[in-house]
PDB file of all heavy atoms in Angstrom:
ATOM      1  N   GLN A   1      13.118  -8.295  13.597  1.00  0.00           N
ATOM      2  CA  GLN A   1      14.553  -8.419  13.352  1.00  0.00           C
ATOM      3  C   GLN A   1      14.833  -8.498  11.849  1.00  0.00           C
ATOM      4  O   GLN A   1      13.995  -8.979  11.069  1.00  0.00           O
ATOM      5  CB  GLN A   1      15.111  -9.661  14.039  1.00  0.00           C
ATOM      6  CG  GLN A   1      15.228  -9.531  15.542  1.00  0.00           C
ATOM      7  CD  GLN A   1      15.996 -10.676  16.153  1.00  0.00           C
ATOM      8  OE1 GLN A   1      16.006 -11.787  15.626  1.00  0.00           O
ATOM      9  NE2 GLN A   1      16.646 -10.416  17.284  1.00  0.00           N
ATOM     10  N   ALA A   2      15.999  -8.059  11.471  1.00  0.00           N
ATOM     11  CA  ALA A   2      16.401  -8.177  10.068  1.00  0.00           C
ATOM     12  C   ALA A   2      16.318  -9.639   9.639  1.00  0.00           C
ATOM     13  O   ALA A   2      16.701 -10.546  10.400  1.00  0.00           O
ATOM     14  CB  ALA A   2      17.810  -7.654   9.884  1.00  0.00           C
ATOM     15  N   GLY A   3      15.786  -9.847   8.444  1.00  0.00           N
ATOM     16  CA  GLY A   3      15.563 -11.198   7.951  1.00  0.00           C
ATOM     17  C   GLY A   3      14.188 -11.741   8.255  1.00  0.00           C
ATOM     18  O   GLY A   3      13.787 -12.774   7.701  1.00  0.00           O
ATOM     19  N   GLY A   4      13.452 -11.055   9.106  1.00  0.00           N
ATOM     20  CA  GLY A   4      12.122 -11.502   9.488  1.00  0.00           C
ATOM     21  C   GLY A   4      11.063 -11.057   8.518  1.00  0.00           C
ATOM     22  O   GLY A   4      11.345 -10.444   7.482  1.00  0.00           O
ATOM     23  N   SER A   5       9.805 -11.375   8.850  1.00  0.00           N
ATOM     24  CA  SER A   5       8.661 -11.082   7.988  1.00  0.00           C
ATOM     25  C   SER A   5       7.559 -10.397   8.772  1.00  0.00           C
ATOM     26  O   SER A   5       7.429 -10.587   9.987  1.00  0.00           O
ATOM     27  CB  SER A   5       8.103 -12.378   7.387  1.00  0.00           C
ATOM     28  OG  SER A   5       9.051 -13.004   6.575  1.00  0.00           O
ATOM     29  N   LEU A   6       6.771  -9.622   8.060  1.00  0.00           N
ATOM     30  CA  LEU A   6       5.577  -8.988   8.608  1.00  0.00           C
ATOM     31  C   LEU A   6       4.540  -8.916   7.503  1.00  0.00           C
ATOM     32  O   LEU A   6       4.895  -8.860   6.315  1.00  0.00           O
ATOM     33  CB  LEU A   6       5.856  -7.557   9.081  1.00  0.00           C
ATOM     34  CG  LEU A   6       6.448  -7.301  10.456  1.00  0.00           C
ATOM     35  CD1 LEU A   6       6.644  -5.810  10.658  1.00  0.00           C
ATOM     36  CD2 LEU A   6       5.578  -7.890  11.553  1.00  0.00           C
ATOM     37  N   ARG A   7       3.268  -8.897   7.908  1.00  0.00           N
ATOM     38  CA  ARG A   7       2.204  -8.638   6.947  1.00  0.00           C
ATOM     39  C   ARG A   7       1.400  -7.431   7.410  1.00  0.00           C
ATOM     40  O   ARG A   7       0.823  -7.448   8.510  1.00  0.00           O
ATOM     41  CB  ARG A   7       1.275  -9.844   6.783  1.00  0.00           C
ATOM     42  CG  ARG A   7       0.298  -9.649   5.625  1.00  0.00           C
ATOM     43  CD  ARG A   7      -0.594 -10.831   5.383  1.00  0.00           C
ATOM     44  NE  ARG A   7      -1.703 -10.906   6.322  1.00  0.00           N
ATOM     45  CZ  ARG A   7      -2.817 -11.605   6.110  1.00  0.00           C
ATOM     46  NH1 ARG A   7      -2.970 -12.263   4.967  1.00  0.00           N
ATOM     47  NH2 ARG A   7      -3.771 -11.635   7.027  1.00  0.00           N
ATOM     48  N   LEU A   8       1.392  -6.416   6.585  1.00  0.00           N
ATOM     49  CA  LEU A   8       0.594  -5.233   6.868  1.00  0.00           C
ATOM     50  C   LEU A   8      -0.771  -5.380   6.215  1.00  0.00           C
ATOM     51  O   LEU A   8      -0.894  -5.962   5.135  1.00  0.00           O
ATOM     52  CB  LEU A   8       1.275  -3.975   6.344  1.00  0.00           C
ATOM     53  CG  LEU A   8       2.701  -3.710   6.822  1.00  0.00           C
ATOM     54  CD1 LEU A   8       3.196  -2.371   6.258  1.00  0.00           C
ATOM     55  CD2 LEU A   8       2.789  -3.726   8.325  1.00  0.00           C
ATOM     56  N   SER A   9      -1.779  -4.819   6.876  1.00  0.00           N
ATOM     57  CA  SER A   9      -3.135  -4.822   6.329  1.00  0.00           C
ATOM     58  C   SER A   9      -3.638  -3.401   6.215  1.00  0.00           C
ATOM     59  O   SER A   9      -3.294  -2.532   7.019  1.00  0.00           O
ATOM     60  CB  SER A   9      -4.083  -5.610   7.241  1.00  0.00           C
ATOM     61  OG  SER A   9      -3.673  -6.941   7.367  1.00  0.00           O
ATOM     62  N   CYS A  10      -4.487  -3.182   5.224  1.00  0.00           N
ATOM     63  CA  CYS A  10      -5.128  -1.882   5.037  1.00  0.00           C
ATOM     64  C   CYS A  10      -6.597  -2.153   4.753  1.00  0.00           C
ATOM     65  O   CYS A  10      -6.926  -2.754   3.726  1.00  0.00           O
ATOM     66  CB  CYS A  10      -4.494  -1.127   3.882  1.00  0.00           C
ATOM     67  SG  CYS A  10      -5.342   0.403   3.433  1.00  0.00           S
ATOM     68  N   ILE A  11      -7.442  -1.735   5.667  1.00  0.00           N
ATOM     69  CA  ILE A  11      -8.886  -1.948   5.516  1.00  0.00           C
ATOM     70  C   ILE A  11      -9.531  -0.644   5.082  1.00  0.00           C
ATOM     71  O   ILE A  11      -9.345   0.398   5.721  1.00  0.00           O
ATOM     72  CB  ILE A  11      -9.504  -2.443   6.826  1.00  0.00           C
ATOM     73  CG1 ILE A  11      -8.863  -3.756   7.258  1.00  0.00           C
ATOM     74  CG2 ILE A  11     -11.016  -2.626   6.654  1.00  0.00           C
ATOM     75  CD1 ILE A  11      -9.345  -4.274   8.586  1.00  0.00           C
ATOM     76  N   ALA A  12     -10.279  -0.723   3.980  1.00  0.00           N
ATOM     77  CA  ALA A  12     -10.963   0.455   3.444  1.00  0.00           C
ATOM     78  C   ALA A  12     -12.440   0.409   3.796  1.00  0.00           C
ATOM     79  O   ALA A  12     -13.062  -0.650   3.792  1.00  0.00           O
ATOM     80  CB  ALA A  12     -10.781   0.508   1.935  1.00  0.00           C
ATOM     81  N   SER A  13     -12.989   1.574   4.072  1.00  0.00           N
ATOM     82  CA  SER A  13     -14.432   1.687   4.328  1.00  0.00           C
ATOM     83  C   SER A  13     -14.936   2.966   3.678  1.00  0.00           C
ATOM     84  O   SER A  13     -14.166   3.836   3.290  1.00  0.00           O
ATOM     85  CB  SER A  13     -14.724   1.687   5.826  1.00  0.00           C
ATOM     86  OG  SER A  13     -14.087   2.774   6.458  1.00  0.00           O
ATOM     87  N   GLY A  14     -16.252   3.059   3.575  1.00  0.00           N
ATOM     88  CA  GLY A  14     -16.838   4.215   2.904  1.00  0.00           C
ATOM     89  C   GLY A  14     -17.146   3.877   1.460  1.00  0.00           C
ATOM     90  O   GLY A  14     -17.619   2.793   1.153  1.00  0.00           O
ATOM     91  N   ARG A  15     -16.825   4.796   0.549  1.00  0.00           N
ATOM     92  CA  ARG A  15     -17.158   4.635  -0.854  1.00  0.00           C
ATOM     93  C   ARG A  15     -16.116   3.781  -1.567  1.00  0.00           C
ATOM     94  O   ARG A  15     -15.429   4.242  -2.492  1.00  0.00           O
ATOM     95  CB  ARG A  15     -17.286   6.002  -1.508  1.00  0.00           C
ATOM     96  CG  ARG A  15     -18.055   5.997  -2.796  1.00  0.00           C
ATOM     97  CD  ARG A  15     -18.226   7.393  -3.352  1.00  0.00           C
ATOM     98  NE  ARG A  15     -18.814   7.364  -4.667  1.00  0.00           N
ATOM     99  CZ  ARG A  15     -18.912   8.408  -5.482  1.00  0.00           C
ATOM    100  NH1 ARG A  15     -18.469   9.581  -5.087  1.00  0.00           N
ATOM    101  NH2 ARG A  15     -19.459   8.287  -6.659  1.00  0.00           N
ATOM    102  N   THR A  16     -15.993   2.528  -1.160  1.00  0.00           N
ATOM    103  CA  THR A  16     -14.935   1.664  -1.680  1.00  0.00           C
ATOM    104  C   THR A  16     -15.168   1.255  -3.127  1.00  0.00           C
ATOM    105  O   THR A  16     -14.223   0.856  -3.812  1.00  0.00           O
ATOM    106  CB  THR A  16     -14.791   0.422  -0.805  1.00  0.00           C
ATOM    107  OG1 THR A  16     -16.050  -0.245  -0.745  1.00  0.00           O
ATOM    108  CG2 THR A  16     -14.338   0.805   0.600  1.00  0.00           C
ATOM    109  N   SER A  17     -16.390   1.369  -3.625  1.00  0.00           N
ATOM    110  CA  SER A  17     -16.656   0.991  -5.012  1.00  0.00           C
ATOM    111  C   SER A  17     -15.953   1.913  -5.990  1.00  0.00           C
ATOM    112  O   SER A  17     -15.770   1.578  -7.156  1.00  0.00           O
ATOM    113  CB  SER A  17     -18.158   1.020  -5.270  1.00  0.00           C
ATOM    114  OG  SER A  17     -18.680   2.315  -5.042  1.00  0.00           O
ATOM    115  N   SER A  18     -15.517   3.077  -5.537  1.00  0.00           N
ATOM    116  CA  SER A  18     -14.859   4.049  -6.409  1.00  0.00           C
ATOM    117  C   SER A  18     -13.350   3.857  -6.490  1.00  0.00           C
ATOM    118  O   SER A  18     -12.678   4.532  -7.263  1.00  0.00           O
ATOM    119  CB  SER A  18     -15.150   5.469  -5.916  1.00  0.00           C
ATOM    120  OG  SER A  18     -14.556   5.680  -4.641  1.00  0.00           O
ATOM    121  N   VAL A  19     -12.811   2.919  -5.702  1.00  0.00           N
ATOM    122  CA  VAL A  19     -11.347   2.770  -5.625  1.00  0.00           C
ATOM    123  C   VAL A  19     -10.788   2.218  -6.931  1.00  0.00           C
ATOM    124  O   VAL A  19     -11.198   1.161  -7.400  1.00  0.00           O
ATOM    125  CB  VAL A  19     -10.954   1.877  -4.443  1.00  0.00           C
ATOM    126  CG1 VAL A  19      -9.466   1.585  -4.485  1.00  0.00           C
ATOM    127  CG2 VAL A  19     -11.329   2.559  -3.128  1.00  0.00           C
ATOM    128  N   VAL A  20      -9.824   2.920  -7.492  1.00  0.00           N
ATOM    129  CA  VAL A  20      -9.143   2.509  -8.721  1.00  0.00           C
ATOM    130  C   VAL A  20      -7.894   1.698  -8.389  1.00  0.00           C
ATOM    131  O   VAL A  20      -7.591   0.697  -9.042  1.00  0.00           O
ATOM    132  CB  VAL A  20      -8.762   3.747  -9.558  1.00  0.00           C
ATOM    133  CG1 VAL A  20      -7.897   3.363 -10.743  1.00  0.00           C
ATOM    134  CG2 VAL A  20     -10.018   4.487 -10.006  1.00  0.00           C
ATOM    135  N   ALA A  21      -7.173   2.130  -7.382  1.00  0.00           N
ATOM    136  CA  ALA A  21      -5.928   1.452  -7.009  1.00  0.00           C
ATOM    137  C   ALA A  21      -5.612   1.726  -5.551  1.00  0.00           C
ATOM    138  O   ALA A  21      -5.994   2.753  -4.998  1.00  0.00           O
ATOM    139  CB  ALA A  21      -4.774   1.928  -7.871  1.00  0.00           C
ATOM    140  N   PHE A  22      -4.924   0.772  -4.952  1.00  0.00           N
ATOM    141  CA  PHE A  22      -4.339   0.920  -3.620  1.00  0.00           C
ATOM    142  C   PHE A  22      -2.831   1.057  -3.781  1.00  0.00           C
ATOM    143  O   PHE A  22      -2.233   0.397  -4.627  1.00  0.00           O
ATOM    144  CB  PHE A  22      -4.595  -0.326  -2.767  1.00  0.00           C
ATOM    145  CG  PHE A  22      -5.944  -0.383  -2.122  1.00  0.00           C
ATOM    146  CD1 PHE A  22      -7.031  -0.920  -2.806  1.00  0.00           C
ATOM    147  CD2 PHE A  22      -6.138   0.054  -0.827  1.00  0.00           C
ATOM    148  CE1 PHE A  22      -8.281  -1.002  -2.213  1.00  0.00           C
ATOM    149  CE2 PHE A  22      -7.378  -0.038  -0.214  1.00  0.00           C
ATOM    150  CZ  PHE A  22      -8.451  -0.559  -0.913  1.00  0.00           C
ATOM    151  N   GLY A  23      -2.261   1.867  -2.915  1.00  0.00           N
ATOM    152  CA  GLY A  23      -0.817   1.975  -2.911  1.00  0.00           C
ATOM    153  C   GLY A  23      -0.281   1.880  -1.496  1.00  0.00           C
ATOM    154  O   GLY A  23      -0.981   2.191  -0.524  1.00  0.00           O
ATOM    155  N   TRP A  24       0.939   1.389  -1.403  1.00  0.00           N
ATOM    156  CA  TRP A  24       1.673   1.413  -0.128  1.00  0.00           C
ATOM    157  C   TRP A  24       2.881   2.328  -0.310  1.00  0.00           C
ATOM    158  O   TRP A  24       3.625   2.203  -1.293  1.00  0.00           O
ATOM    159  CB  TRP A  24       2.152   0.027   0.275  1.00  0.00           C
ATOM    160  CG  TRP A  24       1.110  -0.866   0.851  1.00  0.00           C
ATOM    161  CD1 TRP A  24       0.430  -1.867   0.216  1.00  0.00           C
ATOM    162  CD2 TRP A  24       0.634  -0.863   2.201  1.00  0.00           C
ATOM    163  NE1 TRP A  24      -0.447  -2.472   1.081  1.00  0.00           N
ATOM    164  CE2 TRP A  24      -0.337  -1.877   2.322  1.00  0.00           C
ATOM    165  CE3 TRP A  24       0.926  -0.099   3.337  1.00  0.00           C
ATOM    166  CZ2 TRP A  24      -1.016  -2.150   3.507  1.00  0.00           C
ATOM    167  CZ3 TRP A  24       0.249  -0.363   4.520  1.00  0.00           C
ATOM    168  CH2 TRP A  24      -0.710  -1.382   4.590  1.00  0.00           C
ATOM    169  N   PHE A  25       3.059   3.219   0.631  1.00  0.00           N
ATOM    170  CA  PHE A  25       4.197   4.121   0.660  1.00  0.00           C
ATOM    171  C   PHE A  25       4.865   3.995   2.026  1.00  0.00           C
ATOM    172  O   PHE A  25       4.270   3.482   2.966  1.00  0.00           O
ATOM    173  CB  PHE A  25       3.760   5.567   0.426  1.00  0.00           C
ATOM    174  CG  PHE A  25       3.340   5.855  -0.983  1.00  0.00           C
ATOM    175  CD1 PHE A  25       2.098   5.429  -1.450  1.00  0.00           C
ATOM    176  CD2 PHE A  25       4.178   6.516  -1.862  1.00  0.00           C
ATOM    177  CE1 PHE A  25       1.707   5.671  -2.761  1.00  0.00           C
ATOM    178  CE2 PHE A  25       3.804   6.766  -3.170  1.00  0.00           C
ATOM    179  CZ  PHE A  25       2.562   6.346  -3.615  1.00  0.00           C
ATOM    180  N   ARG A  26       6.080   4.496   2.129  1.00  0.00           N
ATOM    181  CA  ARG A  26       6.755   4.511   3.418  1.00  0.00           C
ATOM    182  C   ARG A  26       7.561   5.786   3.557  1.00  0.00           C
ATOM    183  O   ARG A  26       7.972   6.402   2.574  1.00  0.00           O
ATOM    184  CB  ARG A  26       7.652   3.282   3.586  1.00  0.00           C
ATOM    185  CG  ARG A  26       8.824   3.204   2.623  1.00  0.00           C
ATOM    186  CD  ARG A  26       9.521   1.866   2.782  1.00  0.00           C
ATOM    187  NE  ARG A  26      10.666   1.759   1.879  1.00  0.00           N
ATOM    188  CZ  ARG A  26      11.373   0.643   1.712  1.00  0.00           C
ATOM    189  NH1 ARG A  26      11.043  -0.463   2.377  1.00  0.00           N
ATOM    190  NH2 ARG A  26      12.390   0.629   0.889  1.00  0.00           N
ATOM    191  N   GLN A  27       7.762   6.149   4.808  1.00  0.00           N
ATOM    192  CA  GLN A  27       8.529   7.356   5.094  1.00  0.00           C
ATOM    193  C   GLN A  27       9.428   7.093   6.291  1.00  0.00           C
ATOM    194  O   GLN A  27       8.939   6.823   7.397  1.00  0.00           O
ATOM    195  CB  GLN A  27       7.611   8.541   5.360  1.00  0.00           C
ATOM    196  CG  GLN A  27       8.342   9.865   5.475  1.00  0.00           C
ATOM    197  CD  GLN A  27       7.411  11.054   5.405  1.00  0.00           C
ATOM    198  OE1 GLN A  27       6.205  10.941   5.581  1.00  0.00           O
ATOM    199  NE2 GLN A  27       7.972  12.217   5.130  1.00  0.00           N
ATOM    200  N   ALA A  28      10.728   7.159   6.045  1.00  0.00           N
ATOM    201  CA  ALA A  28      11.710   7.002   7.109  1.00  0.00           C
ATOM    202  C   ALA A  28      11.994   8.377   7.713  1.00  0.00           C
ATOM    203  O   ALA A  28      11.781   9.402   7.065  1.00  0.00           O
ATOM    204  CB  ALA A  28      12.985   6.389   6.552  1.00  0.00           C
ATOM    205  N   PRO A  29      12.496   8.410   8.946  1.00  0.00           N
ATOM    206  CA  PRO A  29      12.785   9.704   9.586  1.00  0.00           C
ATOM    207  C   PRO A  29      13.728  10.547   8.746  1.00  0.00           C
ATOM    208  O   PRO A  29      14.776  10.069   8.293  1.00  0.00           O
ATOM    209  CB  PRO A  29      13.441   9.277  10.908  1.00  0.00           C
ATOM    210  CG  PRO A  29      12.893   7.935  11.184  1.00  0.00           C
ATOM    211  CD  PRO A  29      12.726   7.275   9.844  1.00  0.00           C
ATOM    212  N   GLY A  30      13.346  11.802   8.511  1.00  0.00           N
ATOM    213  CA  GLY A  30      14.188  12.717   7.764  1.00  0.00           C
ATOM    214  C   GLY A  30      14.176  12.513   6.263  1.00  0.00           C
ATOM    215  O   GLY A  30      14.937  13.174   5.549  1.00  0.00           O
ATOM    216  N   LYS A  31      13.331  11.606   5.778  1.00  0.00           N
ATOM    217  CA  LYS A  31      13.284  11.339   4.341  1.00  0.00           C
ATOM    218  C   LYS A  31      11.898  11.613   3.790  1.00  0.00           C
ATOM    219  O   LYS A  31      10.915  11.694   4.538  1.00  0.00           O
ATOM    220  CB  LYS A  31      13.688   9.893   4.063  1.00  0.00           C
ATOM    221  CG  LYS A  31      15.132   9.582   4.405  1.00  0.00           C
ATOM    222  CD  LYS A  31      15.517   8.203   3.921  1.00  0.00           C
ATOM    223  CE  LYS A  31      16.980   7.914   4.181  1.00  0.00           C
ATOM    224  NZ  LYS A  31      17.388   6.574   3.678  1.00  0.00           N
ATOM    225  N   GLU A  32      11.815  11.716   2.478  1.00  0.00           N
ATOM    226  CA  GLU A  32      10.535  11.929   1.827  1.00  0.00           C
ATOM    227  C   GLU A  32       9.764  10.610   1.744  1.00  0.00           C
ATOM    228  O   GLU A  32      10.345   9.529   1.790  1.00  0.00           O
ATOM    229  CB  GLU A  32      10.743  12.497   0.422  1.00  0.00           C
ATOM    230  CG  GLU A  32      11.303  13.909   0.416  1.00  0.00           C
ATOM    231  CD  GLU A  32      11.332  14.500  -0.977  1.00  0.00           C
ATOM    232  OE1 GLU A  32      11.017  13.798  -1.942  1.00  0.00           O
ATOM    233  OE2 GLU A  32      11.681  15.694  -1.093  1.00  0.00           O
ATOM    234  N   ARG A  33       8.455  10.759   1.616  1.00  0.00           N
ATOM    235  CA  ARG A  33       7.624   9.581   1.440  1.00  0.00           C
ATOM    236  C   ARG A  33       7.951   8.945   0.096  1.00  0.00           C
ATOM    237  O   ARG A  33       8.054   9.629  -0.927  1.00  0.00           O
ATOM    238  CB  ARG A  33       6.156   9.975   1.511  1.00  0.00           C
ATOM    239  CG  ARG A  33       5.201   8.826   1.640  1.00  0.00           C
ATOM    240  CD  ARG A  33       3.815   9.303   2.005  1.00  0.00           C
ATOM    241  NE  ARG A  33       3.811   9.958   3.318  1.00  0.00           N
ATOM    242  CZ  ARG A  33       2.696  10.297   3.972  1.00  0.00           C
ATOM    243  NH1 ARG A  33       1.503  10.051   3.430  1.00  0.00           N
ATOM    244  NH2 ARG A  33       2.768  10.892   5.140  1.00  0.00           N
ATOM    245  N   GLU A  34       8.101   7.612   0.091  1.00  0.00           N
ATOM    246  CA  GLU A  34       8.490   6.932  -1.132  1.00  0.00           C
ATOM    247  C   GLU A  34       7.541   5.781  -1.452  1.00  0.00           C
ATOM    248  O   GLU A  34       6.970   5.147  -0.550  1.00  0.00           O
ATOM    249  CB  GLU A  34       9.926   6.397  -1.027  1.00  0.00           C
ATOM    250  CG  GLU A  34      10.160   5.362   0.041  1.00  0.00           C
ATOM    251  CD  GLU A  34      11.597   4.844   0.054  1.00  0.00           C
ATOM    252  OE1 GLU A  34      12.465   5.482  -0.566  1.00  0.00           O
ATOM    253  OE2 GLU A  34      11.823   3.784   0.665  1.00  0.00           O
ATOM    254  N   PHE A  35       7.428   5.494  -2.734  1.00  0.00           N
ATOM    255  CA  PHE A  35       6.563   4.431  -3.218  1.00  0.00           C
ATOM    256  C   PHE A  35       7.132   3.065  -2.855  1.00  0.00           C
ATOM    257  O   PHE A  35       8.349   2.843  -2.953  1.00  0.00           O
ATOM    258  CB  PHE A  35       6.422   4.550  -4.732  1.00  0.00           C
ATOM    259  CG  PHE A  35       5.735   3.386  -5.384  1.00  0.00           C
ATOM    260  CD1 PHE A  35       4.364   3.233  -5.280  1.00  0.00           C
ATOM    261  CD2 PHE A  35       6.465   2.441  -6.083  1.00  0.00           C
ATOM    262  CE1 PHE A  35       3.726   2.167  -5.881  1.00  0.00           C
ATOM    263  CE2 PHE A  35       5.833   1.371  -6.690  1.00  0.00           C
ATOM    264  CZ  PHE A  35       4.468   1.223  -6.588  1.00  0.00           C
ATOM    265  N   VAL A  36       6.249   2.165  -2.457  1.00  0.00           N
ATOM    266  CA  VAL A  36       6.653   0.791  -2.161  1.00  0.00           C
ATOM    267  C   VAL A  36       6.002  -0.169  -3.155  1.00  0.00           C
ATOM    268  O   VAL A  36       6.682  -0.941  -3.828  1.00  0.00           O
ATOM    269  CB  VAL A  36       6.274   0.403  -0.722  1.00  0.00           C
ATOM    270  CG1 VAL A  36       6.574  -1.072  -0.465  1.00  0.00           C
ATOM    271  CG2 VAL A  36       6.984   1.288   0.285  1.00  0.00           C
ATOM    272  N   SER A  37       4.668  -0.119  -3.224  1.00  0.00           N
ATOM    273  CA  SER A  37       3.943  -1.079  -4.049  1.00  0.00           C
ATOM    274  C   SER A  37       2.537  -0.551  -4.311  1.00  0.00           C
ATOM    275  O   SER A  37       2.047   0.325  -3.586  1.00  0.00           O
ATOM    276  CB  SER A  37       3.882  -2.432  -3.337  1.00  0.00           C
ATOM    277  OG  SER A  37       3.213  -3.394  -4.121  1.00  0.00           O
ATOM    278  N   ALA A  38       1.891  -1.094  -5.344  1.00  0.00           N
ATOM    279  CA  ALA A  38       0.514  -0.710  -5.660  1.00  0.00           C
ATOM    280  C   ALA A  38      -0.185  -1.853  -6.375  1.00  0.00           C
ATOM    281  O   ALA A  38       0.474  -2.731  -6.951  1.00  0.00           O
ATOM    282  CB  ALA A  38       0.478   0.553  -6.518  1.00  0.00           C
ATOM    283  N   ILE A  39      -1.498  -1.824  -6.319  1.00  0.00           N
ATOM    284  CA  ILE A  39      -2.302  -2.826  -7.017  1.00  0.00           C
ATOM    285  C   ILE A  39      -3.512  -2.141  -7.629  1.00  0.00           C
ATOM    286  O   ILE A  39      -4.149  -1.294  -6.999  1.00  0.00           O
ATOM    287  CB  ILE A  39      -2.723  -3.968  -6.060  1.00  0.00           C
ATOM    288  CG1 ILE A  39      -3.455  -5.070  -6.816  1.00  0.00           C
ATOM    289  CG2 ILE A  39      -3.591  -3.442  -4.907  1.00  0.00           C
ATOM    290  CD1 ILE A  39      -3.605  -6.363  -6.008  1.00  0.00           C
ATOM    291  N   LYS A  40      -3.768  -2.489  -8.895  1.00  0.00           N
ATOM    292  CA  LYS A  40      -4.899  -1.915  -9.610  1.00  0.00           C
ATOM    293  C   LYS A  40      -6.104  -2.819  -9.444  1.00  0.00           C
ATOM    294  O   LYS A  40      -6.011  -4.026  -9.659  1.00  0.00           O
ATOM    295  CB  LYS A  40      -4.548  -1.741 -11.091  1.00  0.00           C
ATOM    296  CG  LYS A  40      -5.538  -0.911 -11.878  1.00  0.00           C
ATOM    297  CD  LYS A  40      -5.010  -0.549 -13.266  1.00  0.00           C
ATOM    298  CE  LYS A  40      -4.805  -1.748 -14.135  1.00  0.00           C
ATOM    299  NZ  LYS A  40      -4.640  -1.415 -15.555  1.00  0.00           N
ATOM    300  N   MET A  41      -7.229  -2.245  -9.069  1.00  0.00           N
ATOM    301  CA  MET A  41      -8.384  -3.055  -8.721  1.00  0.00           C
ATOM    302  C   MET A  41      -9.019  -3.746  -9.921  1.00  0.00           C
ATOM    303  O   MET A  41      -9.579  -4.825  -9.807  1.00  0.00           O
ATOM    304  CB  MET A  41      -9.435  -2.188  -8.025  1.00  0.00           C
ATOM    305  CG  MET A  41      -9.009  -1.673  -6.662  1.00  0.00           C
ATOM    306  SD  MET A  41      -8.876  -3.006  -5.441  1.00  0.00           S
ATOM    307  CE  MET A  41      -7.124  -3.355  -5.507  1.00  0.00           C
ATOM    308  N   SER A  42      -8.960  -3.137 -11.097  1.00  0.00           N
ATOM    309  CA  SER A  42      -9.683  -3.688 -12.245  1.00  0.00           C
ATOM    310  C   SER A  42      -9.105  -4.998 -12.740  1.00  0.00           C
ATOM    311  O   SER A  42      -9.842  -5.867 -13.218  1.00  0.00           O
ATOM    312  CB  SER A  42      -9.695  -2.659 -13.382  1.00  0.00           C
ATOM    313  OG  SER A  42      -8.378  -2.372 -13.796  1.00  0.00           O
ATOM    314  N   ASP A  43      -7.773  -5.163 -12.626  1.00  0.00           N
ATOM    315  CA  ASP A  43      -7.148  -6.378 -13.162  1.00  0.00           C
ATOM    316  C   ASP A  43      -6.096  -6.972 -12.238  1.00  0.00           C
ATOM    317  O   ASP A  43      -5.385  -7.896 -12.622  1.00  0.00           O
ATOM    318  CB  ASP A  43      -6.525  -6.095 -14.529  1.00  0.00           C
ATOM    319  CG  ASP A  43      -5.534  -4.952 -14.495  1.00  0.00           C
ATOM    320  OD1 ASP A  43      -5.126  -4.545 -13.386  1.00  0.00           O
ATOM    321  OD2 ASP A  43      -5.181  -4.446 -15.570  1.00  0.00           O
ATOM    322  N   ASP A  44      -6.000  -6.436 -11.026  1.00  0.00           N
ATOM    323  CA  ASP A  44      -5.018  -6.914 -10.037  1.00  0.00           C
ATOM    324  C   ASP A  44      -3.575  -6.775 -10.510  1.00  0.00           C
ATOM    325  O   ASP A  44      -2.691  -7.479 -10.007  1.00  0.00           O
ATOM    326  CB  ASP A  44      -5.287  -8.370  -9.648  1.00  0.00           C
ATOM    327  CG  ASP A  44      -6.485  -8.480  -8.710  1.00  0.00           C
ATOM    328  OD1 ASP A  44      -6.860  -7.465  -8.092  1.00  0.00           O
ATOM    329  OD2 ASP A  44      -7.043  -9.587  -8.607  1.00  0.00           O
ATOM    330  N   ASN A  45      -3.317  -5.905 -11.458  1.00  0.00           N
ATOM    331  CA  ASN A  45      -1.923  -5.635 -11.816  1.00  0.00           C
ATOM    332  C   ASN A  45      -1.197  -5.062 -10.607  1.00  0.00           C
ATOM    333  O   ASN A  45      -1.745  -4.228  -9.880  1.00  0.00           O
ATOM    334  CB  ASN A  45      -1.857  -4.617 -12.963  1.00  0.00           C
ATOM    335  CG  ASN A  45      -1.770  -5.279 -14.310  1.00  0.00           C
ATOM    336  OD1 ASN A  45      -1.736  -6.508 -14.410  1.00  0.00           O
ATOM    337  ND2 ASN A  45      -1.741  -4.488 -15.367  1.00  0.00           N
ATOM    338  N   THR A  46       0.033  -5.523 -10.415  1.00  0.00           N
ATOM    339  CA  THR A  46       0.803  -5.063  -9.270  1.00  0.00           C
ATOM    340  C   THR A  46       2.060  -4.325  -9.718  1.00  0.00           C
ATOM    341  O   THR A  46       2.587  -4.547 -10.814  1.00  0.00           O
ATOM    342  CB  THR A  46       1.192  -6.242  -8.369  1.00  0.00           C
ATOM    343  OG1 THR A  46       1.936  -7.193  -9.139  1.00  0.00           O
ATOM    344  CG2 THR A  46      -0.041  -6.904  -7.779  1.00  0.00           C
TER     345      THR A  46
END
């Protein structure tokens, strides 16, 4: 419901040592994929 909360998780496997950054994107019906958030692995910049 509007006003509520959720926590999404993203589990990586494989060659994870090569990951530079994670990003979250979203796509609503009829719209382009858009940036939501990202985190850089080297310094946790968000």
